[in-house]
Amino acid sequence: MTQINLTLPEMHCDGCVRAITRLAQKQDPDARVSADLPARLASFSGKLDEAVLRAALAKAGYQPA
C-alpha cells in the first residue's frame, strides 16, 4: 500500500475532498483520502501510482504544489 501526501492549494471545501477522493478511487476503488482543509494537505493511501494521481488531480484543477 502506498501513502502519498500532497499539498493541493485549490482544495477549499468538502466538495473538493469528495472530488479528489473520486479521482483516487478511479485508480484504486479501496483508496482512502484524508484532508486537512486549512493546511490544504491531502493524504492518499492505497494501490496508487503517484505520477498518475498527480496528473489526474492537475487535469481536474487541483494542481499539486
PDB file of N, CA and C in Angstrom:
ATOM      1  N   MET A   1       0.847  -1.183   0.000  1.00  0.00           N
ATOM      2  CA  MET A   1       0.000   0.000   0.000  1.00  0.00           C
ATOM      3  C   MET A   1       0.886   1.237   0.000  1.00  0.00           C
ATOM      4  N   THR A   2       0.514   2.196  -0.792  1.00  0.00           N
ATOM      5  CA  THR A   2       1.263   3.440  -0.943  1.00  0.00           C
ATOM      6  C   THR A   2       0.614   4.545  -0.118  1.00  0.00           C
ATOM      7  N   GLN A   3       1.434   5.380   0.497  1.00  0.00           N
ATOM      8  CA  GLN A   3       0.963   6.568   1.207  1.00  0.00           C
ATOM      9  C   GLN A   3       1.527   7.776   0.478  1.00  0.00           C
ATOM     10  N   ILE A   4       0.653   8.673   0.018  1.00  0.00           N
ATOM     11  CA  ILE A   4       1.065   9.865  -0.724  1.00  0.00           C
ATOM     12  C   ILE A   4       0.475  11.088  -0.030  1.00  0.00           C
ATOM     13  N   ASN A   5       1.316  12.055   0.277  1.00  0.00           N
ATOM     14  CA  ASN A   5       0.875  13.304   0.893  1.00  0.00           C
ATOM     15  C   ASN A   5       1.131  14.438  -0.093  1.00  0.00           C
ATOM     16  N   LEU A   6       0.089  15.198  -0.400  1.00  0.00           N
ATOM     17  CA  LEU A   6       0.211  16.278  -1.375  1.00  0.00           C
ATOM     18  C   LEU A   6      -0.434  17.558  -0.851  1.00  0.00           C
ATOM     19  N   THR A   7       0.180  18.673  -1.147  1.00  0.00           N
ATOM     20  CA  THR A   7      -0.423  19.973  -0.887  1.00  0.00           C
ATOM     21  C   THR A   7      -1.219  20.355  -2.133  1.00  0.00           C
ATOM     22  N   LEU A   8      -2.495  20.649  -1.936  1.00  0.00           N
ATOM     23  CA  LEU A   8      -3.398  21.000  -3.039  1.00  0.00           C
ATOM     24  C   LEU A   8      -3.987  22.382  -2.766  1.00  0.00           C
ATOM     25  N   PRO A   9      -3.332  23.448  -3.243  1.00  0.00           N
ATOM     26  CA  PRO A   9      -3.774  24.815  -2.946  1.00  0.00           C
ATOM     27  C   PRO A   9      -5.217  25.107  -3.355  1.00  0.00           C
ATOM     28  N   GLU A  10      -5.741  24.426  -4.355  1.00  0.00           N
ATOM     29  CA  GLU A  10      -7.108  24.693  -4.828  1.00  0.00           C
ATOM     30  C   GLU A  10      -8.177  23.893  -4.084  1.00  0.00           C
ATOM     31  N   MET A  11      -7.792  23.094  -3.100  1.00  0.00           N
ATOM     32  CA  MET A  11      -8.740  22.307  -2.306  1.00  0.00           C
ATOM     33  C   MET A  11      -9.275  23.198  -1.181  1.00  0.00           C
ATOM     34  N   HIS A  12     -10.561  23.586  -1.278  1.00  0.00           N
ATOM     35  CA  HIS A  12     -11.109  24.559  -0.334  1.00  0.00           C
ATOM     36  C   HIS A  12     -12.243  24.044   0.537  1.00  0.00           C
ATOM     37  N   CYS A  13     -12.924  22.954   0.128  1.00  0.00           N
ATOM     38  CA  CYS A  13     -14.138  22.571   0.838  1.00  0.00           C
ATOM     39  C   CYS A  13     -14.351  21.055   0.774  1.00  0.00           C
ATOM     40  N   ASP A  14     -15.409  20.601   1.433  1.00  0.00           N
ATOM     41  CA  ASP A  14     -15.728  19.171   1.428  1.00  0.00           C
ATOM     42  C   ASP A  14     -16.041  18.660   0.029  1.00  0.00           C
ATOM     43  N   GLY A  15     -16.600  19.507  -0.814  1.00  0.00           N
ATOM     44  CA  GLY A  15     -16.860  19.119  -2.198  1.00  0.00           C
ATOM     45  C   GLY A  15     -15.561  18.817  -2.928  1.00  0.00           C
ATOM     46  N   CYS A  16     -14.538  19.599  -2.659  1.00  0.00           N
ATOM     47  CA  CYS A  16     -13.218  19.349  -3.246  1.00  0.00           C
ATOM     48  C   CYS A  16     -12.668  18.007  -2.754  1.00  0.00           C
ATOM     49  N   VAL A  17     -12.835  17.741  -1.479  1.00  0.00           N
ATOM     50  CA  VAL A  17     -12.355  16.474  -0.916  1.00  0.00           C
ATOM     51  C   VAL A  17     -13.078  15.299  -1.578  1.00  0.00           C
ATOM     52  N   ARG A  18     -14.381  15.422  -1.783  1.00  0.00           N
ATOM     53  CA  ARG A  18     -15.122  14.352  -2.464  1.00  0.00           C
ATOM     54  C   ARG A  18     -14.610  14.165  -3.887  1.00  0.00           C
ATOM     55  N   ALA A  19     -14.304  15.258  -4.564  1.00  0.00           N
ATOM     56  CA  ALA A  19     -13.811  15.179  -5.945  1.00  0.00           C
ATOM     57  C   ALA A  19     -12.451  14.485  -6.008  1.00  0.00           C
ATOM     58  N   ILE A  20     -11.535  14.850  -5.121  1.00  0.00           N
ATOM     59  CA  ILE A  20     -10.220  14.215  -5.163  1.00  0.00           C
ATOM     60  C   ILE A  20     -10.305  12.757  -4.714  1.00  0.00           C
ATOM     61  N   THR A  21     -11.246  12.457  -3.827  1.00  0.00           N
ATOM     62  CA  THR A  21     -11.451  11.062  -3.422  1.00  0.00           C
ATOM     63  C   THR A  21     -11.910  10.233  -4.614  1.00  0.00           C
ATOM     64  N   ARG A  22     -12.851  10.761  -5.396  1.00  0.00           N
ATOM     65  CA  ARG A  22     -13.312  10.044  -6.599  1.00  0.00           C
ATOM     66  C   ARG A  22     -12.165   9.811  -7.569  1.00  0.00           C
ATOM     67  N   LEU A  23     -11.282  10.803  -7.731  1.00  0.00           N
ATOM     68  CA  LEU A  23     -10.137  10.645  -8.624  1.00  0.00           C
ATOM     69  C   LEU A  23      -9.217   9.519  -8.151  1.00  0.00           C
ATOM     70  N   ALA A  24      -8.931   9.491  -6.860  1.00  0.00           N
ATOM     71  CA  ALA A  24      -8.071   8.432  -6.319  1.00  0.00           C
ATOM     72  C   ALA A  24      -8.733   7.073  -6.470  1.00  0.00           C
ATOM     73  N   GLN A  25     -10.053   7.018  -6.259  1.00  0.00           N
ATOM     74  CA  GLN A  25     -10.750   5.742  -6.310  1.00  0.00           C
ATOM     75  C   GLN A  25     -10.961   5.239  -7.736  1.00  0.00           C
ATOM     76  N   LYS A  26     -10.679   6.068  -8.737  1.00  0.00           N
ATOM     77  CA  LYS A  26     -10.664   5.575 -10.116  1.00  0.00           C
ATOM     78  C   LYS A  26      -9.453   4.672 -10.322  1.00  0.00           C
ATOM     79  N   GLN A  27      -8.350   4.976  -9.640  1.00  0.00           N
ATOM     80  CA  GLN A  27      -7.142   4.148  -9.692  1.00  0.00           C
ATOM     81  C   GLN A  27      -7.282   2.920  -8.818  1.00  0.00           C
ATOM     82  N   ASP A  28      -7.786   3.119  -7.609  1.00  0.00           N
ATOM     83  CA  ASP A  28      -7.935   2.037  -6.639  1.00  0.00           C
ATOM     84  C   ASP A  28      -9.258   2.258  -5.912  1.00  0.00           C
ATOM     85  N   PRO A  29     -10.263   1.427  -6.187  1.00  0.00           N
ATOM     86  CA  PRO A  29     -11.573   1.598  -5.551  1.00  0.00           C
ATOM     87  C   PRO A  29     -11.527   1.586  -4.020  1.00  0.00           C
ATOM     88  N   ASP A  30     -10.464   1.007  -3.458  1.00  0.00           N
ATOM     89  CA  ASP A  30     -10.332   0.942  -2.000  1.00  0.00           C
ATOM     90  C   ASP A  30      -9.456   2.058  -1.437  1.00  0.00           C
ATOM     91  N   ALA A  31      -9.049   2.999  -2.278  1.00  0.00           N
ATOM     92  CA  ALA A  31      -8.185   4.101  -1.822  1.00  0.00           C
ATOM     93  C   ALA A  31      -8.886   4.910  -0.740  1.00  0.00           C
ATOM     94  N   ARG A  32      -8.092   5.391   0.187  1.00  0.00           N
ATOM     95  CA  ARG A  32      -8.587   6.240   1.275  1.00  0.00           C
ATOM     96  C   ARG A  32      -7.938   7.615   1.145  1.00  0.00           C
ATOM     97  N   VAL A  33      -8.730   8.634   1.441  1.00  0.00           N
ATOM     98  CA  VAL A  33      -8.231  10.010   1.381  1.00  0.00           C
ATOM     99  C   VAL A  33      -8.616  10.714   2.670  1.00  0.00           C
ATOM    100  N   SER A  34      -7.652  11.396   3.263  1.00  0.00           N
ATOM    101  CA  SER A  34      -7.958  12.272   4.396  1.00  0.00           C
ATOM    102  C   SER A  34      -7.421  13.649   4.032  1.00  0.00           C
ATOM    103  N   ALA A  35      -8.079  14.669   4.533  1.00  0.00           N
ATOM    104  CA  ALA A  35      -7.707  16.031   4.150  1.00  0.00           C
ATOM    105  C   ALA A  35      -7.679  16.955   5.356  1.00  0.00           C
ATOM    106  N   ASP A  36      -6.722  17.848   5.336  1.00  0.00           N
ATOM    107  CA  ASP A  36      -6.626  18.947   6.294  1.00  0.00           C
ATOM    108  C   ASP A  36      -6.895  20.204   5.465  1.00  0.00           C
ATOM    109  N   LEU A  37      -8.156  20.635   5.450  1.00  0.00           N
ATOM    110  CA  LEU A  37      -8.535  21.761   4.589  1.00  0.00           C
ATOM    111  C   LEU A  37      -7.769  23.049   4.898  1.00  0.00           C
ATOM    112  N   PRO A  38      -7.635  23.470   6.166  1.00  0.00           N
ATOM    113  CA  PRO A  38      -6.906  24.720   6.417  1.00  0.00           C
ATOM    114  C   PRO A  38      -5.455  24.675   5.906  1.00  0.00           C
ATOM    115  N   ALA A  39      -4.827  23.498   5.982  1.00  0.00           N
ATOM    116  CA  ALA A  39      -3.442  23.355   5.522  1.00  0.00           C
ATOM    117  C   ALA A  39      -3.370  23.011   4.038  1.00  0.00           C
ATOM    118  N   ARG A  40      -4.529  22.708   3.418  1.00  0.00           N
ATOM    119  CA  ARG A  40      -4.594  22.307   2.000  1.00  0.00           C
ATOM    120  C   ARG A  40      -3.770  21.042   1.742  1.00  0.00           C
ATOM    121  N   LEU A  41      -3.759  20.133   2.737  1.00  0.00           N
ATOM    122  CA  LEU A  41      -2.981  18.900   2.650  1.00  0.00           C
ATOM    123  C   LEU A  41      -3.914  17.709   2.484  1.00  0.00           C
ATOM    124  N   ALA A  42      -3.624  16.868   1.503  1.00  0.00           N
ATOM    125  CA  ALA A  42      -4.399  15.648   1.290  1.00  0.00           C
ATOM    126  C   ALA A  42      -3.465  14.455   1.403  1.00  0.00           C
ATOM    127  N   SER A  43      -3.921  13.427   2.115  1.00  0.00           N
ATOM    128  CA  SER A  43      -3.166  12.197   2.270  1.00  0.00           C
ATOM    129  C   SER A  43      -3.945  11.077   1.598  1.00  0.00           C
ATOM    130  N   PHE A  44      -3.290  10.368   0.715  1.00  0.00           N
ATOM    131  CA  PHE A  44      -3.893   9.283  -0.046  1.00  0.00           C
ATOM    132  C   PHE A  44      -3.221   7.981   0.347  1.00  0.00           C
ATOM    133  N   SER A  45      -4.000   6.923   0.519  1.00  0.00           N
ATOM    134  CA  SER A  45      -3.408   5.610   0.757  1.00  0.00           C
ATOM    135  C   SER A  45      -4.140   4.586  -0.086  1.00  0.00           C
ATOM    136  N   GLY A  46      -3.381   3.639  -0.593  1.00  0.00           N
ATOM    137  CA  GLY A  46      -3.940   2.592  -1.431  1.00  0.00           C
ATOM    138  C   GLY A  46      -2.937   2.161  -2.476  1.00  0.00           C
ATOM    139  N   LYS A  47      -3.414   1.437  -3.455  1.00  0.00           N
ATOM    140  CA  LYS A  47      -2.565   0.973  -4.556  1.00  0.00           C
ATOM    141  C   LYS A  47      -2.586   2.050  -5.637  1.00  0.00           C
ATOM    142  N   LEU A  48      -1.817   3.113  -5.384  1.00  0.00           N
ATOM    143  CA  LEU A  48      -1.848   4.300  -6.236  1.00  0.00           C
ATOM    144  C   LEU A  48      -0.496   4.554  -6.868  1.00  0.00           C
ATOM    145  N   ASP A  49      -0.505   5.035  -8.094  1.00  0.00           N
ATOM    146  CA  ASP A  49       0.697   5.486  -8.792  1.00  0.00           C
ATOM    147  C   ASP A  49       0.726   7.009  -8.642  1.00  0.00           C
ATOM    148  N   GLU A  50       1.746   7.524  -7.973  1.00  0.00           N
ATOM    149  CA  GLU A  50       1.776   8.955  -7.661  1.00  0.00           C
ATOM    150  C   GLU A  50       1.754   9.824  -8.919  1.00  0.00           C
ATOM    151  N   ALA A  51       2.487   9.434  -9.951  1.00  0.00           N
ATOM    152  CA  ALA A  51       2.520  10.239 -11.176  1.00  0.00           C
ATOM    153  C   ALA A  51       1.144  10.293 -11.832  1.00  0.00           C
ATOM    154  N   VAL A  52       0.453   9.166 -11.859  1.00  0.00           N
ATOM    155  CA  VAL A  52      -0.891   9.114 -12.456  1.00  0.00           C
ATOM    156  C   VAL A  52      -1.858   9.947 -11.617  1.00  0.00           C
ATOM    157  N   LEU A  53      -1.753   9.828 -10.294  1.00  0.00           N
ATOM    158  CA  LEU A  53      -2.625  10.604  -9.406  1.00  0.00           C
ATOM    159  C   LEU A  53      -2.382  12.102  -9.569  1.00  0.00           C
ATOM    160  N   ARG A  54      -1.117  12.517  -9.604  1.00  0.00           N
ATOM    161  CA  ARG A  54      -0.796  13.934  -9.787  1.00  0.00           C
ATOM    162  C   ARG A  54      -1.365  14.467 -11.103  1.00  0.00           C
ATOM    163  N   ALA A  55      -1.235  13.677 -12.164  1.00  0.00           N
ATOM    164  CA  ALA A  55      -1.746  14.103 -13.472  1.00  0.00           C
ATOM    165  C   ALA A  55      -3.266  14.239 -13.446  1.00  0.00           C
ATOM    166  N   ALA A  56      -3.947  13.286 -12.813  1.00  0.00           N
ATOM    167  CA  ALA A  56      -5.414  13.326 -12.730  1.00  0.00           C
ATOM    168  C   ALA A  56      -5.872  14.531 -11.906  1.00  0.00           C
ATOM    169  N   LEU A  57      -5.177  14.799 -10.804  1.00  0.00           N
ATOM    170  CA  LEU A  57      -5.519  15.951  -9.965  1.00  0.00           C
ATOM    171  C   LEU A  57      -5.331  17.254 -10.741  1.00  0.00           C
ATOM    172  N   ALA A  58      -4.203  17.370 -11.439  1.00  0.00           N
ATOM    173  CA  ALA A  58      -3.919  18.588 -12.212  1.00  0.00           C
ATOM    174  C   ALA A  58      -4.979  18.794 -13.293  1.00  0.00           C
ATOM    175  N   LYS A  59      -5.343  17.724 -13.980  1.00  0.00           N
ATOM    176  CA  LYS A  59      -6.356  17.820 -15.044  1.00  0.00           C
ATOM    177  C   LYS A  59      -7.695  18.282 -14.482  1.00  0.00           C
ATOM    178  N   ALA A  60      -7.991  17.900 -13.239  1.00  0.00           N
ATOM    179  CA  ALA A  60      -9.254  18.268 -12.605  1.00  0.00           C
ATOM    180  C   ALA A  60      -9.201  19.651 -11.933  1.00  0.00           C
ATOM    181  N   GLY A  61      -8.043  20.313 -12.004  1.00  0.00           N
ATOM    182  CA  GLY A  61      -7.928  21.651 -11.414  1.00  0.00           C
ATOM    183  C   GLY A  61      -7.343  21.694 -10.030  1.00  0.00           C
ATOM    184  N   TYR A  62      -6.770  20.595  -9.577  1.00  0.00           N
ATOM    185  CA  TYR A  62      -6.160  20.526  -8.240  1.00  0.00           C
ATOM    186  C   TYR A  62      -4.666  20.284  -8.392  1.00  0.00           C
ATOM    187  N   GLN A  63      -3.953  21.188  -9.040  1.00  0.00           N
ATOM    188  CA  GLN A  63      -2.514  21.050  -9.295  1.00  0.00           C
ATOM    189  C   GLN A  63      -1.756  20.924  -7.974  1.00  0.00           C
ATOM    190  N   PRO A  64      -1.080  19.786  -7.742  1.00  0.00           N
ATOM    191  CA  PRO A  64      -0.284  19.661  -6.513  1.00  0.00           C
ATOM    192  C   PRO A  64       0.851  20.674  -6.498  1.00  0.00           C
ATOM    193  N   ALA A  65       1.120  21.210  -5.316  1.00  0.00           N
ATOM    194  CA  ALA A  65       2.218  22.183  -5.160  1.00  0.00           C
ATOM    195  C   ALA A  65       3.533  21.460  -4.987  1.00  0.00           C
TER     196      ALA A  65
END
